[in-house]
C-alpha atoms as a PDB file:
ATOM      1  CA  MET A   1     -31.106  -9.112  51.901  1.00  0.00           C
ATOM      2  CA  MET A   2     -29.482  -9.599  48.506  1.00  0.00           C
ATOM      3  CA  ASN A   3     -29.716 -12.841  46.618  1.00  0.00           C
ATOM      4  CA  HIS A   4     -26.784 -14.479  44.842  1.00  0.00           C
ATOM      5  CA  LYS A   5     -27.599 -13.003  41.405  1.00  0.00           C
ATOM      6  CA  GLU A   6     -27.744  -9.449  42.770  1.00  0.00           C
ATOM      7  CA  LYS A   7     -24.420  -9.919  44.551  1.00  0.00           C
ATOM      8  CA  GLU A   8     -22.760 -11.162  41.348  1.00  0.00           C
ATOM      9  CA  LEU A   9     -24.142  -8.194  39.403  1.00  0.00           C
ATOM     10  CA  LEU A  10     -22.822  -5.836  42.067  1.00  0.00           C
ATOM     11  CA  LYS A  11     -19.386  -7.501  41.960  1.00  0.00           C
ATOM     12  CA  THR A  12     -19.343  -7.142  38.172  1.00  0.00           C
ATOM     13  CA  GLU A  13     -20.321  -3.470  38.453  1.00  0.00           C
ATOM     14  CA  ILE A  14     -17.536  -2.864  40.991  1.00  0.00           C
ATOM     15  CA  THR A  15     -15.003  -4.532  38.675  1.00  0.00           C
ATOM     16  CA  VAL A  16     -16.119  -2.510  35.653  1.00  0.00           C
ATOM     17  CA  LYS A  17     -16.140   0.789  37.547  1.00  0.00           C
ATOM     18  CA  THR A  18     -12.667   0.088  38.949  1.00  0.00           C
ATOM     19  CA  ALA A  19     -11.382  -0.512  35.413  1.00  0.00           C
ATOM     20  CA  HIS A  20     -12.965   2.770  34.282  1.00  0.00           C
ATOM     21  CA  ILE A  21     -11.306   4.619  37.173  1.00  0.00           C
ATOM     22  CA  LYS A  22      -7.919   3.197  36.152  1.00  0.00           C
ATOM     23  CA  ASN A  23      -8.605   4.352  32.596  1.00  0.00           C
ATOM     24  CA  LEU A  24      -9.390   7.833  33.925  1.00  0.00           C
ATOM     25  CA  GLY A  25      -6.034   7.744  35.711  1.00  0.00           C
ATOM     26  CA  ASN A  26      -4.364   7.256  32.343  1.00  0.00           C
ATOM     27  CA  TRP A  27      -6.310  10.226  30.964  1.00  0.00           C
ATOM     28  CA  LEU A  28      -5.180  12.317  33.923  1.00  0.00           C
ATOM     29  CA  ARG A  29      -1.539  11.360  33.378  1.00  0.00           C
ATOM     30  CA  ASN A  30      -1.784  12.224  29.674  1.00  0.00           C
ATOM     31  CA  SER A  31      -3.496  15.557  30.339  1.00  0.00           C
ATOM     32  CA  ILE A  32      -0.805  16.520  32.857  1.00  0.00           C
ATOM     33  CA  LEU A  33       1.887  15.640  30.338  1.00  0.00           C
ATOM     34  CA  LEU A  34       0.178  17.618  27.577  1.00  0.00           C
ATOM     35  CA  PHE A  35      -0.324  20.521  29.982  1.00  0.00           C
ATOM     36  CA  LEU A  36       3.389  20.608  30.806  1.00  0.00           C
ATOM     37  CA  ILE A  37       4.472  20.400  27.166  1.00  0.00           C
ATOM     38  CA  SER A  38       2.001  23.000  25.908  1.00  0.00           C
ATOM     39  CA  GLY A  39       2.691  25.273  28.874  1.00  0.00           C
ATOM     40  CA  THR A  40       6.404  25.114  28.131  1.00  0.00           C
ATOM     41  CA  LEU A  41       5.774  25.936  24.467  1.00  0.00           C
ATOM     42  CA  GLY A  42       3.448  28.767  25.478  1.00  0.00           C
ATOM     43  CA  PHE A  43       6.034  30.220  27.828  1.00  0.00           C
ATOM     44  CA  TRP A  44       8.773  29.878  25.233  1.00  0.00           C
ATOM     45  CA  GLY A  45       6.664  31.474  22.515  1.00  0.00           C
ATOM     46  CA  LEU A  46       5.468  34.422  24.539  1.00  0.00           C
ATOM     47  CA  SER A  47       8.523  35.143  26.685  1.00  0.00           C
ATOM     48  CA  GLY A  48      11.104  35.710  23.935  1.00  0.00           C
ATOM     49  CA  ILE A  49      13.881  33.824  25.721  1.00  0.00           C
ATOM     50  CA  GLN A  50      16.663  32.312  23.649  1.00  0.00           C
ATOM     51  CA  ASP A  51      17.759  28.762  24.326  1.00  0.00           C
ATOM     52  CA  ARG A  52      20.148  26.408  22.551  1.00  0.00           C
ATOM     53  CA  PHE A  53      17.744  23.522  23.046  1.00  0.00           C
ATOM     54  CA  LEU A  54      14.737  25.182  21.394  1.00  0.00           C
ATOM     55  CA  PRO A  55      14.785  26.342  17.778  1.00  0.00           C
ATOM     56  CA  ASP A  56      15.525  29.968  16.959  1.00  0.00           C
ATOM     57  CA  ILE A  57      12.193  31.143  15.570  1.00  0.00           C
ATOM     58  CA  THR A  58      11.430  34.843  15.572  1.00  0.00           C
ATOM     59  CA  GLY A  59       8.460  36.940  14.657  1.00  0.00           C
ATOM     60  CA  PRO A  60       4.831  35.967  14.293  1.00  0.00           C
ATOM     61  CA  GLY A  61       5.520  32.223  14.108  1.00  0.00           C
ATOM     62  CA  ARG A  62       6.908  32.179  17.620  1.00  0.00           C
ATOM     63  CA  ILE A  63       4.057  34.277  18.971  1.00  0.00           C
ATOM     64  CA  ALA A  64       1.546  31.954  17.308  1.00  0.00           C
ATOM     65  CA  VAL A  65       3.232  28.936  18.905  1.00  0.00           C
ATOM     66  CA  GLY A  66       3.065  30.749  22.235  1.00  0.00           C
ATOM     67  CA  TRP A  67      -0.647  31.494  21.970  1.00  0.00           C
ATOM     68  CA  VAL A  68      -1.552  28.030  20.725  1.00  0.00           C
ATOM     69  CA  GLY A  69       0.516  26.457  23.497  1.00  0.00           C
ATOM     70  CA  SER A  70      -1.099  28.700  26.101  1.00  0.00           C
ATOM     71  CA  VAL A  71      -4.630  27.920  24.938  1.00  0.00           C
ATOM     72  CA  ILE A  72      -3.941  24.184  24.885  1.00  0.00           C
ATOM     73  CA  ALA A  73      -2.375  24.446  28.355  1.00  0.00           C
ATOM     74  CA  VAL A  74      -5.474  26.139  29.760  1.00  0.00           C
ATOM     75  CA  LEU A  75      -7.798  23.587  28.140  1.00  0.00           C
ATOM     76  CA  THR A  76      -5.795  20.596  29.343  1.00  0.00           C
ATOM     77  CA  PHE A  77      -5.615  22.091  32.841  1.00  0.00           C
ATOM     78  CA  ILE A  78      -9.414  22.368  32.963  1.00  0.00           C
ATOM     79  CA  PHE A  79      -9.749  18.850  31.523  1.00  0.00           C
ATOM     80  CA  GLY A  80      -7.316  17.535  34.137  1.00  0.00           C
ATOM     81  CA  ILE A  81      -9.342  19.084  36.959  1.00  0.00           C
ATOM     82  CA  LEU A  82     -12.529  17.510  35.607  1.00  0.00           C
ATOM     83  CA  VAL A  83     -10.887  14.089  35.300  1.00  0.00           C
ATOM     84  CA  PHE A  84      -9.476  14.380  38.828  1.00  0.00           C
ATOM     85  CA  VAL A  85     -12.932  15.151  40.212  1.00  0.00           C
ATOM     86  CA  ALA A  86     -14.371  12.229  38.227  1.00  0.00           C
ATOM     87  CA  ILE A  87     -11.766   9.881  39.713  1.00  0.00           C
ATOM     88  CA  GLN A  88     -12.513  11.048  43.255  1.00  0.00           C
ATOM     89  CA  ASN A  89     -16.263  10.667  42.799  1.00  0.00           C
ATOM     90  CA  GLY A  90     -15.811   7.289  41.118  1.00  0.00           C
ATOM     91  CA  ARG A  91     -13.757   6.004  44.037  1.00  0.00           C
ATOM     92  CA  LYS A  92     -16.401   7.177  46.499  1.00  0.00           C
ATOM     93  CA  HIS A  93     -19.092   5.424  44.478  1.00  0.00           C
ATOM     94  CA  VAL A  94     -17.111   2.174  44.310  1.00  0.00           C
ATOM     95  CA  LEU A  95     -16.594   2.305  48.088  1.00  0.00           C
ATOM     96  CA  GLN A  96     -20.355   2.763  48.535  1.00  0.00           C
ATOM     97  CA  LEU A  97     -20.966  -0.259  46.306  1.00  0.00           C
ATOM     98  CA  ILE A  98     -18.478  -2.323  48.318  1.00  0.00           C
ATOM     99  CA  ASN A  99     -20.203  -1.300  51.552  1.00  0.00           C
ATOM    100  CA  THR A 100     -23.536  -2.270  50.011  1.00  0.00           C
ATOM    101  CA  LEU A 101     -22.109  -5.622  49.014  1.00  0.00           C
ATOM    102  CA  LYS A 102     -20.775  -6.240  52.523  1.00  0.00           C
ATOM    103  CA  GLY A 103     -24.060  -5.140  54.058  1.00  0.00           C
ATOM    104  CA  VAL A 104     -22.642  -2.114  55.882  1.00  0.00           C
ATOM    105  CA  LYS A 105     -25.232   0.624  56.329  1.00  0.00           C
ATOM    106  CA  LYS A 106     -24.500   4.300  56.804  1.00  0.00           C
END
């Protein structure tokens, strides 16, 4: 049986962990956005397509933009996967804490 102080500490921990999970959601959103932007730049730089929207850069500058964009896209994709896994595990942990607080045993 938990006393009142332990229950309050557990409620505080649940609140803090929920705030951290929301913060991780913001990181996930930002990594997806950066992945899309850098992937688009990587594709543009390495494919050689011409578009009125994108600047007309030729030669090694465009290839460099393509490689840098591709590398950043790969890194942000990996980072996004790690953040997604962290969010899933964090939610599971918070649910376990809530079950502990309610006294539900598995």
